[in-house]
């Protein structure tokens, strides 16, 4: 369980009743985004309050009226889905900074300059965000915000999300280790040859091409053949 000192209030008002639970702010926001969380770790105390500051618990009648249940986990789920999480200013600031870093990382890894097919470095993406005056929202996932953000920074830099299909041939002496590495990407084809060499096709965000090639060159000492396939 999260410590009481680190917990925040999640609140729902319904049918003239107020319900509060004490939760870990990060795990609560993760749950609101649709992620799986451990409820034992998220809750500070296994109790539903009508006023947590006074320690007043919600009555069974009110719980049944609104939630049709006395199961704390089910009640917490509804409070988080339909209610609000009372973050402190510092917590909200940190979440916003973390979300901003996440947005920059996603764009840098997935987007390219369509004029050159080269990825945009994170710093260039960050500068474009600043110049466009984009406000990153802590409560929304990075993925939800990306389409709107791309529309705005396209006014600053040429940028698009592209995927590449790359055919790769790896000699037998490196194929086993390289295969394990390739499986961490979207491996579309894996064809083992009689001599132990491997022919594979992976589909990756264009921005990851350099990372993939560096990884494979490190494993094979540059002894690979690659070809970008036409769409």
C-alpha atoms as a PDB file:
ATOM      1  CA  UNK A   1       0.000   0.000   0.000  1.00  0.00           C
ATOM      2  CA  UNK A   2       1.061   3.571  -0.640  1.00  0.00           C
ATOM      3  CA  UNK A   3       1.962   5.570   2.477  1.00  0.00           C
ATOM      4  CA  UNK A   4      -0.709   7.944   3.757  1.00  0.00           C
ATOM      5  CA  UNK A   5       1.711  10.881   3.474  1.00  0.00           C
ATOM      6  CA  UNK A   6       2.160  10.147  -0.231  1.00  0.00           C
ATOM      7  CA  UNK A   7      -1.514   9.516  -1.023  1.00  0.00           C
ATOM      8  CA  UNK A   8      -4.000  11.919  -2.583  1.00  0.00           C
ATOM      9  CA  UNK A   9      -7.794  12.031  -2.556  1.00  0.00           C
ATOM     10  CA  UNK A  10      -9.841  10.544  -5.393  1.00  0.00           C
ATOM     11  CA  UNK A  11     -13.390  11.922  -5.143  1.00  0.00           C
ATOM     12  CA  UNK A  12     -16.790  11.242  -6.680  1.00  0.00           C
ATOM     13  CA  UNK A  13     -20.031  13.072  -5.926  1.00  0.00           C
ATOM     14  CA  UNK A  14     -23.247  11.306  -6.931  1.00  0.00           C
ATOM     15  CA  UNK A  15     -26.878  11.084  -5.782  1.00  0.00           C
ATOM     16  CA  UNK A  16     -26.197  13.758  -3.168  1.00  0.00           C
ATOM     17  CA  UNK A  17     -23.365  11.751  -1.622  1.00  0.00           C
ATOM     18  CA  UNK A  18     -19.610  12.357  -1.596  1.00  0.00           C
ATOM     19  CA  UNK A  19     -17.148   9.462  -1.714  1.00  0.00           C
ATOM     20  CA  UNK A  20     -13.394   9.654  -1.198  1.00  0.00           C
ATOM     21  CA  UNK A  21     -10.560   7.134  -1.287  1.00  0.00           C
ATOM     22  CA  UNK A  22      -6.861   7.675  -0.626  1.00  0.00           C
ATOM     23  CA  UNK A  23      -4.682   6.560  -3.518  1.00  0.00           C
ATOM     24  CA  UNK A  24      -1.220   6.706  -5.020  1.00  0.00           C
ATOM     25  CA  UNK A  25      -1.379   9.628  -7.528  1.00  0.00           C
ATOM     26  CA  UNK A  26       0.707   7.979 -10.245  1.00  0.00           C
ATOM     27  CA  UNK A  27      -1.076   4.622 -10.130  1.00  0.00           C
ATOM     28  CA  UNK A  28      -4.464   6.353  -9.995  1.00  0.00           C
ATOM     29  CA  UNK A  29      -3.693   8.367 -13.121  1.00  0.00           C
ATOM     30  CA  UNK A  30      -2.353   5.235 -14.834  1.00  0.00           C
ATOM     31  CA  UNK A  31      -5.653   3.504 -14.100  1.00  0.00           C
ATOM     32  CA  UNK A  32      -7.625   6.469 -15.467  1.00  0.00           C
ATOM     33  CA  UNK A  33      -5.600   6.098 -18.696  1.00  0.00           C
ATOM     34  CA  UNK A  34      -6.724   2.472 -18.983  1.00  0.00           C
ATOM     35  CA  UNK A  35      -3.590   0.766 -17.677  1.00  0.00           C
ATOM     36  CA  UNK A  36      -3.606  -2.263 -15.386  1.00  0.00           C
ATOM     37  CA  UNK A  37      -2.581  -1.441 -11.809  1.00  0.00           C
ATOM     38  CA  UNK A  38      -2.167  -3.322  -8.542  1.00  0.00           C
ATOM     39  CA  UNK A  39      -4.982  -2.083  -6.274  1.00  0.00           C
ATOM     40  CA  UNK A  40      -3.212  -3.209  -3.124  1.00  0.00           C
ATOM     41  CA  UNK A  41      -0.299  -0.947  -4.046  1.00  0.00           C
ATOM     42  CA  UNK A  42      -2.530   1.926  -5.129  1.00  0.00           C
ATOM     43  CA  UNK A  43      -4.723   2.197  -2.018  1.00  0.00           C
ATOM     44  CA  UNK A  44      -3.393   3.804   1.155  1.00  0.00           C
ATOM     45  CA  UNK A  45      -6.232   2.357   3.207  1.00  0.00           C
ATOM     46  CA  UNK A  46      -8.929  -0.134   2.299  1.00  0.00           C
ATOM     47  CA  UNK A  47     -11.776   2.238   3.150  1.00  0.00           C
ATOM     48  CA  UNK A  48     -14.280   4.435   1.308  1.00  0.00           C
ATOM     49  CA  UNK A  49     -14.860   7.744   3.103  1.00  0.00           C
ATOM     50  CA  UNK A  50     -17.488  10.428   2.876  1.00  0.00           C
ATOM     51  CA  UNK A  51     -14.903  12.838   4.334  1.00  0.00           C
ATOM     52  CA  UNK A  52     -11.371  11.482   4.493  1.00  0.00           C
ATOM     53  CA  UNK A  53     -10.012  14.566   6.298  1.00  0.00           C
ATOM     54  CA  UNK A  54     -12.374  13.868   9.215  1.00  0.00           C
ATOM     55  CA  UNK A  55     -12.033  10.100   8.944  1.00  0.00           C
ATOM     56  CA  UNK A  56     -15.779   9.716   8.339  1.00  0.00           C
ATOM     57  CA  UNK A  57     -16.558   6.519   6.444  1.00  0.00           C
ATOM     58  CA  UNK A  58     -19.272   6.271   3.801  1.00  0.00           C
ATOM     59  CA  UNK A  59     -22.324   4.373   4.986  1.00  0.00           C
ATOM     60  CA  UNK A  60     -23.373   1.019   3.544  1.00  0.00           C
ATOM     61  CA  UNK A  61     -26.673   2.507   2.400  1.00  0.00           C
ATOM     62  CA  UNK A  62     -24.973   5.222   0.344  1.00  0.00           C
ATOM     63  CA  UNK A  63     -22.548   2.709  -1.177  1.00  0.00           C
ATOM     64  CA  UNK A  64     -25.379   0.405  -2.193  1.00  0.00           C
ATOM     65  CA  UNK A  65     -27.423   3.297  -3.594  1.00  0.00           C
ATOM     66  CA  UNK A  66     -24.647   4.638  -5.815  1.00  0.00           C
ATOM     67  CA  UNK A  67     -22.426   1.621  -6.521  1.00  0.00           C
ATOM     68  CA  UNK A  68     -24.819  -1.261  -5.843  1.00  0.00           C
ATOM     69  CA  UNK A  69     -21.888  -2.873  -4.047  1.00  0.00           C
ATOM     70  CA  UNK A  70     -19.804  -2.815  -0.891  1.00  0.00           C
ATOM     71  CA  UNK A  71     -16.729  -4.193  -2.681  1.00  0.00           C
ATOM     72  CA  UNK A  72     -13.995  -1.605  -2.177  1.00  0.00           C
ATOM     73  CA  UNK A  73     -12.081  -2.456  -5.363  1.00  0.00           C
ATOM     74  CA  UNK A  74     -15.177  -2.123  -7.555  1.00  0.00           C
ATOM     75  CA  UNK A  75     -16.081   1.153  -5.839  1.00  0.00           C
ATOM     76  CA  UNK A  76     -12.564   2.539  -6.270  1.00  0.00           C
ATOM     77  CA  UNK A  77     -12.660   1.685  -9.979  1.00  0.00           C
ATOM     78  CA  UNK A  78     -15.851   3.688 -10.448  1.00  0.00           C
ATOM     79  CA  UNK A  79     -14.574   6.609  -8.370  1.00  0.00           C
ATOM     80  CA  UNK A  80     -11.429   6.782 -10.495  1.00  0.00           C
ATOM     81  CA  UNK A  81     -13.248   6.363 -13.814  1.00  0.00           C
ATOM     82  CA  UNK A  82     -16.001   8.890 -13.131  1.00  0.00           C
ATOM     83  CA  UNK A  83     -14.497  11.147 -10.457  1.00  0.00           C
ATOM     84  CA  UNK A  84     -11.404  13.283 -10.038  1.00  0.00           C
ATOM     85  CA  UNK A  85      -7.962  12.820  -8.503  1.00  0.00           C
ATOM     86  CA  UNK A  86      -6.874  15.747  -6.318  1.00  0.00           C
ATOM     87  CA  UNK A  87      -3.231  16.195  -7.286  1.00  0.00           C
ATOM     88  CA  UNK A  88      -1.007  18.711  -5.544  1.00  0.00           C
ATOM     89  CA  UNK A  89       0.590  21.489  -7.582  1.00  0.00           C
ATOM     90  CA  UNK A  90       3.961  19.767  -7.345  1.00  0.00           C
ATOM     91  CA  UNK A  91       2.532  16.398  -8.391  1.00  0.00           C
ATOM     92  CA  UNK A  92       0.729  17.946 -11.350  1.00  0.00           C
ATOM     93  CA  UNK A  93       3.904  19.770 -12.399  1.00  0.00           C
ATOM     94  CA  UNK A  94       5.951  16.569 -12.260  1.00  0.00           C
ATOM     95  CA  UNK A  95       3.334  14.619 -14.202  1.00  0.00           C
ATOM     96  CA  UNK A  96       3.241  17.334 -16.855  1.00  0.00           C
ATOM     97  CA  UNK A  97       7.045  17.274 -17.180  1.00  0.00           C
ATOM     98  CA  UNK A  98       7.035  13.472 -17.428  1.00  0.00           C
ATOM     99  CA  UNK A  99       4.274  13.556 -20.053  1.00  0.00           C
ATOM    100  CA  UNK A 100       6.204  16.157 -22.052  1.00  0.00           C
ATOM    101  CA  UNK A 101       9.329  13.954 -22.053  1.00  0.00           C
ATOM    102  CA  UNK A 102       7.184  11.004 -23.144  1.00  0.00           C
ATOM    103  CA  UNK A 103       5.688  12.985 -26.039  1.00  0.00           C
ATOM    104  CA  UNK A 104       9.132  14.130 -27.221  1.00  0.00           C
ATOM    105  CA  UNK A 105      10.487  10.572 -27.011  1.00  0.00           C
ATOM    106  CA  UNK A 106       7.587   9.115 -29.025  1.00  0.00           C
ATOM    107  CA  UNK A 107       7.881  11.738 -31.750  1.00  0.00           C
ATOM    108  CA  UNK A 108      11.671  11.460 -31.971  1.00  0.00           C
ATOM    109  CA  UNK A 109      11.458   7.664 -32.317  1.00  0.00           C
ATOM    110  CA  UNK A 110       8.544   7.509 -34.743  1.00  0.00           C
ATOM    111  CA  UNK A 111       8.714  10.632 -36.897  1.00  0.00           C
ATOM    112  CA  UNK A 112      11.005  11.707 -39.726  1.00  0.00           C
ATOM    113  CA  UNK A 113      11.606  14.719 -41.914  1.00  0.00           C
ATOM    114  CA  UNK A 114       9.727  13.635 -45.096  1.00  0.00           C
ATOM    115  CA  UNK A 115      12.088  15.748 -47.191  1.00  0.00           C
ATOM    116  CA  UNK A 116      15.151  13.762 -46.105  1.00  0.00           C
ATOM    117  CA  UNK A 117      13.680  10.654 -44.393  1.00  0.00           C
ATOM    118  CA  UNK A 118      15.981  11.433 -41.469  1.00  0.00           C
ATOM    119  CA  UNK A 119      14.668  11.379 -37.879  1.00  0.00           C
ATOM    120  CA  UNK A 120      14.294  14.572 -35.896  1.00  0.00           C
ATOM    121  CA  UNK A 121      16.558  14.666 -32.806  1.00  0.00           C
ATOM    122  CA  UNK A 122      14.701  15.060 -29.487  1.00  0.00           C
ATOM    123  CA  UNK A 123      16.073  18.592 -29.027  1.00  0.00           C
ATOM    124  CA  UNK A 124      14.633  19.698 -32.366  1.00  0.00           C
ATOM    125  CA  UNK A 125      11.262  18.229 -31.414  1.00  0.00           C
ATOM    126  CA  UNK A 126      11.419  20.010 -28.057  1.00  0.00           C
ATOM    127  CA  UNK A 127      12.268  23.326 -29.728  1.00  0.00           C
ATOM    128  CA  UNK A 128       9.334  22.898 -32.117  1.00  0.00           C
ATOM    129  CA  UNK A 129       6.996  22.238 -29.177  1.00  0.00           C
ATOM    130  CA  UNK A 130       8.229  25.420 -27.508  1.00  0.00           C
ATOM    131  CA  UNK A 131       7.940  27.518 -30.644  1.00  0.00           C
ATOM    132  CA  UNK A 132       4.420  26.240 -31.329  1.00  0.00           C
ATOM    133  CA  UNK A 133       3.418  27.023 -27.729  1.00  0.00           C
ATOM    134  CA  UNK A 134       1.947  23.569 -27.216  1.00  0.00           C
ATOM    135  CA  UNK A 135       0.468  22.835 -23.812  1.00  0.00           C
ATOM    136  CA  UNK A 136       1.025  19.191 -22.831  1.00  0.00           C
ATOM    137  CA  UNK A 137      -1.807  17.836 -20.685  1.00  0.00           C
ATOM    138  CA  UNK A 138      -0.805  15.670 -17.742  1.00  0.00           C
ATOM    139  CA  UNK A 139      -4.203  13.967 -17.518  1.00  0.00           C
ATOM    140  CA  UNK A 140      -4.146  12.676 -21.099  1.00  0.00           C
ATOM    141  CA  UNK A 141      -1.867   9.935 -22.357  1.00  0.00           C
ATOM    142  CA  UNK A 142       0.946  10.920 -24.699  1.00  0.00           C
ATOM    143  CA  UNK A 143      -0.602   8.812 -27.487  1.00  0.00           C
ATOM    144  CA  UNK A 144      -3.910  10.694 -27.252  1.00  0.00           C
ATOM    145  CA  UNK A 145      -2.167  14.029 -27.697  1.00  0.00           C
ATOM    146  CA  UNK A 146       0.247  13.122 -30.504  1.00  0.00           C
ATOM    147  CA  UNK A 147      -2.090  13.728 -33.516  1.00  0.00           C
ATOM    148  CA  UNK A 148      -2.981  17.257 -32.427  1.00  0.00           C
ATOM    149  CA  UNK A 149       0.630  18.016 -31.484  1.00  0.00           C
ATOM    150  CA  UNK A 150       1.871  16.842 -34.891  1.00  0.00           C
ATOM    151  CA  UNK A 151      -0.612  19.137 -36.618  1.00  0.00           C
ATOM    152  CA  UNK A 152       0.833  22.073 -34.705  1.00  0.00           C
ATOM    153  CA  UNK A 153       4.542  21.341 -35.055  1.00  0.00           C
ATOM    154  CA  UNK A 154       4.119  20.683 -38.789  1.00  0.00           C
ATOM    155  CA  UNK A 155       3.801  24.450 -38.976  1.00  0.00           C
ATOM    156  CA  UNK A 156       7.322  24.696 -37.536  1.00  0.00           C
ATOM    157  CA  UNK A 157       9.230  21.736 -39.030  1.00  0.00           C
ATOM    158  CA  UNK A 158       8.505  19.213 -41.817  1.00  0.00           C
ATOM    159  CA  UNK A 159       7.475  16.055 -39.980  1.00  0.00           C
ATOM    160  CA  UNK A 160       5.482  12.889 -40.520  1.00  0.00           C
ATOM    161  CA  UNK A 161       5.033   9.474 -38.936  1.00  0.00           C
ATOM    162  CA  UNK A 162       6.386   6.809 -41.271  1.00  0.00           C
ATOM    163  CA  UNK A 163       7.007   3.079 -40.973  1.00  0.00           C
ATOM    164  CA  UNK A 164       9.736   1.230 -42.831  1.00  0.00           C
ATOM    165  CA  UNK A 165       9.867  -2.414 -43.879  1.00  0.00           C
ATOM    166  CA  UNK A 166      13.482  -3.567 -43.923  1.00  0.00           C
ATOM    167  CA  UNK A 167      14.803  -6.869 -45.268  1.00  0.00           C
ATOM    168  CA  UNK A 168      17.873  -8.117 -43.414  1.00  0.00           C
ATOM    169  CA  UNK A 169      20.260 -10.987 -44.143  1.00  0.00           C
ATOM    170  CA  UNK A 170      22.509 -12.133 -41.308  1.00  0.00           C
ATOM    171  CA  UNK A 171      25.292 -14.725 -41.668  1.00  0.00           C
ATOM    172  CA  UNK A 172      25.167 -17.945 -39.674  1.00  0.00           C
ATOM    173  CA  UNK A 173      27.844 -16.990 -37.134  1.00  0.00           C
ATOM    174  CA  UNK A 174      25.732 -14.064 -35.908  1.00  0.00           C
ATOM    175  CA  UNK A 175      22.197 -15.200 -36.730  1.00  0.00           C
ATOM    176  CA  UNK A 176      21.216 -16.594 -33.318  1.00  0.00           C
ATOM    177  CA  UNK A 177      22.108 -13.491 -31.339  1.00  0.00           C
ATOM    178  CA  UNK A 178      20.752 -11.170 -34.030  1.00  0.00           C
ATOM    179  CA  UNK A 179      17.451 -13.074 -34.150  1.00  0.00           C
ATOM    180  CA  UNK A 180      16.890 -12.437 -30.442  1.00  0.00           C
ATOM    181  CA  UNK A 181      17.495  -8.757 -31.042  1.00  0.00           C
ATOM    182  CA  UNK A 182      15.140  -8.600 -34.039  1.00  0.00           C
ATOM    183  CA  UNK A 183      12.310 -10.189 -32.048  1.00  0.00           C
ATOM    184  CA  UNK A 184      12.163  -7.088 -29.869  1.00  0.00           C
ATOM    185  CA  UNK A 185      10.944  -5.240 -32.990  1.00  0.00           C
ATOM    186  CA  UNK A 186       7.920  -5.949 -35.182  1.00  0.00           C
ATOM    187  CA  UNK A 187       9.329  -9.036 -36.907  1.00  0.00           C
ATOM    188  CA  UNK A 188       7.200  -9.718 -40.000  1.00  0.00           C
ATOM    189  CA  UNK A 189       9.274 -12.567 -41.467  1.00  0.00           C
ATOM    190  CA  UNK A 190      11.895 -14.974 -40.100  1.00  0.00           C
ATOM    191  CA  UNK A 191      13.340 -17.417 -42.612  1.00  0.00           C
ATOM    192  CA  UNK A 192      16.258 -19.659 -41.699  1.00  0.00           C
ATOM    193  CA  UNK A 193      18.494 -20.835 -44.532  1.00  0.00           C
ATOM    194  CA  UNK A 194      20.163 -24.254 -44.859  1.00  0.00           C
ATOM    195  CA  UNK A 195      23.562 -22.717 -44.080  1.00  0.00           C
ATOM    196  CA  UNK A 196      22.270 -21.276 -40.787  1.00  0.00           C
ATOM    197  CA  UNK A 197      21.977 -17.712 -42.039  1.00  0.00           C
ATOM    198  CA  UNK A 198      18.818 -15.721 -41.400  1.00  0.00           C
ATOM    199  CA  UNK A 199      16.664 -13.637 -43.696  1.00  0.00           C
ATOM    200  CA  UNK A 200      14.218 -11.430 -41.832  1.00  0.00           C
ATOM    201  CA  UNK A 201      11.841  -8.570 -42.487  1.00  0.00           C
ATOM    202  CA  UNK A 202      11.044  -6.080 -39.743  1.00  0.00           C
ATOM    203  CA  UNK A 203       8.643  -3.160 -39.719  1.00  0.00           C
ATOM    204  CA  UNK A 204       9.762  -0.220 -37.580  1.00  0.00           C
ATOM    205  CA  UNK A 205       9.035   3.479 -37.111  1.00  0.00           C
ATOM    206  CA  UNK A 206      11.312   5.351 -39.487  1.00  0.00           C
ATOM    207  CA  UNK A 207      12.951   7.171 -36.600  1.00  0.00           C
ATOM    208  CA  UNK A 208      14.292   3.873 -35.219  1.00  0.00           C
ATOM    209  CA  UNK A 209      16.216   2.913 -38.358  1.00  0.00           C
ATOM    210  CA  UNK A 210      19.533   4.229 -37.021  1.00  0.00           C
ATOM    211  CA  UNK A 211      19.036   2.498 -33.669  1.00  0.00           C
ATOM    212  CA  UNK A 212      18.248  -0.830 -35.368  1.00  0.00           C
ATOM    213  CA  UNK A 213      21.227  -0.635 -37.722  1.00  0.00           C
ATOM    214  CA  UNK A 214      23.598   0.317 -34.899  1.00  0.00           C
ATOM    215  CA  UNK A 215      22.363  -2.607 -32.822  1.00  0.00           C
ATOM    216  CA  UNK A 216      22.760  -5.125 -35.648  1.00  0.00           C
ATOM    217  CA  UNK A 217      26.139  -3.763 -36.735  1.00  0.00           C
ATOM    218  CA  UNK A 218      27.365  -4.122 -33.161  1.00  0.00           C
ATOM    219  CA  UNK A 219      26.253  -7.774 -33.050  1.00  0.00           C
ATOM    220  CA  UNK A 220      27.563  -8.730 -36.495  1.00  0.00           C
ATOM    221  CA  UNK A 221      30.561  -6.362 -36.686  1.00  0.00           C
ATOM    222  CA  UNK A 222      28.945  -4.848 -39.755  1.00  0.00           C
ATOM    223  CA  UNK A 223      28.559  -8.175 -41.541  1.00  0.00           C
ATOM    224  CA  UNK A 224      24.915  -7.805 -42.598  1.00  0.00           C
ATOM    225  CA  UNK A 225      22.942  -6.993 -45.719  1.00  0.00           C
ATOM    226  CA  UNK A 226      19.904  -4.705 -45.510  1.00  0.00           C
ATOM    227  CA  UNK A 227      17.359  -3.347 -47.961  1.00  0.00           C
ATOM    228  CA  UNK A 228      14.476  -0.943 -47.383  1.00  0.00           C
ATOM    229  CA  UNK A 229      11.439  -2.432 -49.089  1.00  0.00           C
ATOM    230  CA  UNK A 230       9.091  -0.343 -51.181  1.00  0.00           C
ATOM    231  CA  UNK A 231       5.549  -0.011 -49.858  1.00  0.00           C
END
